[in-house]
Amino acid sequence: MADPLNLELKNLFIATLKLHGVAPDDIPDDEPLIGSPRLGLDSIDALELVLAIEKRYSVKIGNSEESRAALASVNTLTEFLRKRGPTA
């Protein structure tokens, strides 16, 4: 069964980055988000995602090293939010 937070994050990515023609099922849970040939996300996209995630989930992603680790994949971001989110 799919993790509801993973699905929510995928929908946030699609909306934030205006990924036309991409469905949540097109984004693998364990595939790297940045540099992925499937999504083609770059550092500007990563910054937009960080800002959207910080706003939506009331978390702070401190520096570029932390954001790279958090955005490694949908699964790593889900774990990051569960550990650092306001309800953690």
C-alpha atoms as a PDB file:
ATOM      1  CA  MET A   1       0.000   0.000   0.000  1.00  0.00           C
ATOM      2  CA  ALA A   2       1.320   3.420  -0.930  1.00  0.00           C
ATOM      3  CA  ASP A   3       2.406   5.783   1.830  1.00  0.00           C
ATOM      4  CA  PRO A   4      -0.077   8.703   1.949  1.00  0.00           C
ATOM      5  CA  LEU A   5       2.717  11.190   2.736  1.00  0.00           C
ATOM      6  CA  ASN A   6       4.672  10.017  -0.322  1.00  0.00           C
ATOM      7  CA  LEU A   7       1.610  10.619  -2.491  1.00  0.00           C
ATOM      8  CA  GLU A   8       1.069  14.046  -0.926  1.00  0.00           C
ATOM      9  CA  LEU A   9       4.711  14.974  -1.595  1.00  0.00           C
ATOM     10  CA  LYS A  10       4.530  13.804  -5.194  1.00  0.00           C
ATOM     11  CA  ASN A  11       1.451  15.963  -5.751  1.00  0.00           C
ATOM     12  CA  LEU A  12       3.281  18.907  -4.149  1.00  0.00           C
ATOM     13  CA  PHE A  13       6.236  18.376  -6.526  1.00  0.00           C
ATOM     14  CA  ILE A  14       3.952  18.259  -9.558  1.00  0.00           C
ATOM     15  CA  ALA A  15       2.078  21.410  -8.532  1.00  0.00           C
ATOM     16  CA  THR A  16       5.141  23.384  -7.400  1.00  0.00           C
ATOM     17  CA  LEU A  17       7.261  22.581 -10.441  1.00  0.00           C
ATOM     18  CA  LYS A  18       4.361  22.575 -12.911  1.00  0.00           C
ATOM     19  CA  LEU A  19       5.292  19.110 -14.166  1.00  0.00           C
ATOM     20  CA  HIS A  20       2.710  18.824 -16.939  1.00  0.00           C
ATOM     21  CA  GLY A  21       2.011  15.279 -18.019  1.00  0.00           C
ATOM     22  CA  VAL A  22       3.576  13.780 -14.865  1.00  0.00           C
ATOM     23  CA  ALA A  23       1.389  11.716 -12.550  1.00  0.00           C
ATOM     24  CA  PRO A  24       2.294  10.775  -8.971  1.00  0.00           C
ATOM     25  CA  ASP A  25       2.788   7.164 -10.099  1.00  0.00           C
ATOM     26  CA  ASP A  26       5.458   8.394 -12.546  1.00  0.00           C
ATOM     27  CA  ILE A  27       7.703   9.436  -9.636  1.00  0.00           C
ATOM     28  CA  PRO A  28       9.386   6.386  -8.026  1.00  0.00           C
ATOM     29  CA  ASP A  29       9.670   6.507  -4.240  1.00  0.00           C
ATOM     30  CA  ASP A  30      13.354   5.581  -4.201  1.00  0.00           C
ATOM     31  CA  GLU A  31      14.687   7.307  -7.325  1.00  0.00           C
ATOM     32  CA  PRO A  32      16.931  10.362  -6.860  1.00  0.00           C
ATOM     33  CA  LEU A  33      14.882  13.526  -7.300  1.00  0.00           C
ATOM     34  CA  ILE A  34      17.680  15.862  -8.358  1.00  0.00           C
ATOM     35  CA  GLY A  35      19.494  14.838 -11.505  1.00  0.00           C
ATOM     36  CA  SER A  36      16.952  12.147 -12.316  1.00  0.00           C
ATOM     37  CA  PRO A  37      16.579  11.729 -16.084  1.00  0.00           C
ATOM     38  CA  ARG A  38      12.901  10.938 -15.537  1.00  0.00           C
ATOM     39  CA  LEU A  39      12.132  14.285 -13.847  1.00  0.00           C
ATOM     40  CA  GLY A  40      15.054  16.426 -14.977  1.00  0.00           C
ATOM     41  CA  LEU A  41      15.129  18.504 -11.781  1.00  0.00           C
ATOM     42  CA  ASP A  42      17.994  20.930 -11.231  1.00  0.00           C
ATOM     43  CA  SER A  43      19.225  23.120  -8.371  1.00  0.00           C
ATOM     44  CA  ILE A  44      16.622  25.832  -9.056  1.00  0.00           C
ATOM     45  CA  ASP A  45      13.887  23.189  -8.886  1.00  0.00           C
ATOM     46  CA  ALA A  46      15.406  21.938  -5.616  1.00  0.00           C
ATOM     47  CA  LEU A  47      15.237  25.426  -4.134  1.00  0.00           C
ATOM     48  CA  GLU A  48      11.598  25.784  -5.171  1.00  0.00           C
ATOM     49  CA  LEU A  49      10.826  22.412  -3.605  1.00  0.00           C
ATOM     50  CA  VAL A  50      12.599  23.300  -0.361  1.00  0.00           C
ATOM     51  CA  LEU A  51      10.614  26.533  -0.068  1.00  0.00           C
ATOM     52  CA  ALA A  52       7.311  24.762  -0.798  1.00  0.00           C
ATOM     53  CA  ILE A  53       8.089  21.972   1.682  1.00  0.00           C
ATOM     54  CA  GLU A  54       9.131  24.410   4.404  1.00  0.00           C
ATOM     55  CA  LYS A  55       5.927  26.389   3.932  1.00  0.00           C
ATOM     56  CA  ARG A  56       3.585  23.402   3.678  1.00  0.00           C
ATOM     57  CA  TYR A  57       5.057  21.310   6.505  1.00  0.00           C
ATOM     58  CA  SER A  58       6.368  24.052   8.828  1.00  0.00           C
ATOM     59  CA  VAL A  59       9.894  22.650   8.844  1.00  0.00           C
ATOM     60  CA  LYS A  60      13.230  24.320   8.257  1.00  0.00           C
ATOM     61  CA  ILE A  61      15.689  22.697   5.879  1.00  0.00           C
ATOM     62  CA  GLY A  62      18.859  24.407   7.017  1.00  0.00           C
ATOM     63  CA  ASN A  63      21.649  24.257   4.460  1.00  0.00           C
ATOM     64  CA  SER A  64      22.417  22.820   1.050  1.00  0.00           C
ATOM     65  CA  GLU A  65      23.865  19.640   2.539  1.00  0.00           C
ATOM     66  CA  GLU A  66      20.698  19.051   4.540  1.00  0.00           C
ATOM     67  CA  SER A  67      18.489  19.800   1.534  1.00  0.00           C
ATOM     68  CA  ARG A  68      20.484  17.391  -0.671  1.00  0.00           C
ATOM     69  CA  ALA A  69      20.055  14.676   1.946  1.00  0.00           C
ATOM     70  CA  ALA A  70      16.337  15.376   2.437  1.00  0.00           C
ATOM     71  CA  LEU A  71      15.668  15.547  -1.315  1.00  0.00           C
ATOM     72  CA  ALA A  72      17.607  12.383  -2.153  1.00  0.00           C
ATOM     73  CA  SER A  73      14.307  10.620  -2.913  1.00  0.00           C
ATOM     74  CA  VAL A  74      10.635  10.713  -2.000  1.00  0.00           C
ATOM     75  CA  ASN A  75      11.335   8.104   0.695  1.00  0.00           C
ATOM     76  CA  THR A  76      14.150  10.131   2.289  1.00  0.00           C
ATOM     77  CA  LEU A  77      12.030  13.267   2.267  1.00  0.00           C
ATOM     78  CA  THR A  78       9.160  11.390   3.908  1.00  0.00           C
ATOM     79  CA  GLU A  79      11.499  10.174   6.663  1.00  0.00           C
ATOM     80  CA  PHE A  80      12.950  13.670   7.090  1.00  0.00           C
ATOM     81  CA  LEU A  81       9.470  15.147   7.542  1.00  0.00           C
ATOM     82  CA  ARG A  82       8.421  12.446   9.991  1.00  0.00           C
ATOM     83  CA  LYS A  83      11.516  13.134  12.111  1.00  0.00           C
ATOM     84  CA  ARG A  84      11.492  16.919  11.884  1.00  0.00           C
ATOM     85  CA  GLY A  85       7.909  17.898  11.250  1.00  0.00           C
ATOM     86  CA  PRO A  86       5.789  19.748  13.795  1.00  0.00           C
ATOM     87  CA  THR A  87       4.019  16.537  14.791  1.00  0.00           C
ATOM     88  CA  ALA A  88       7.260  14.566  15.202  1.00  0.00           C
END
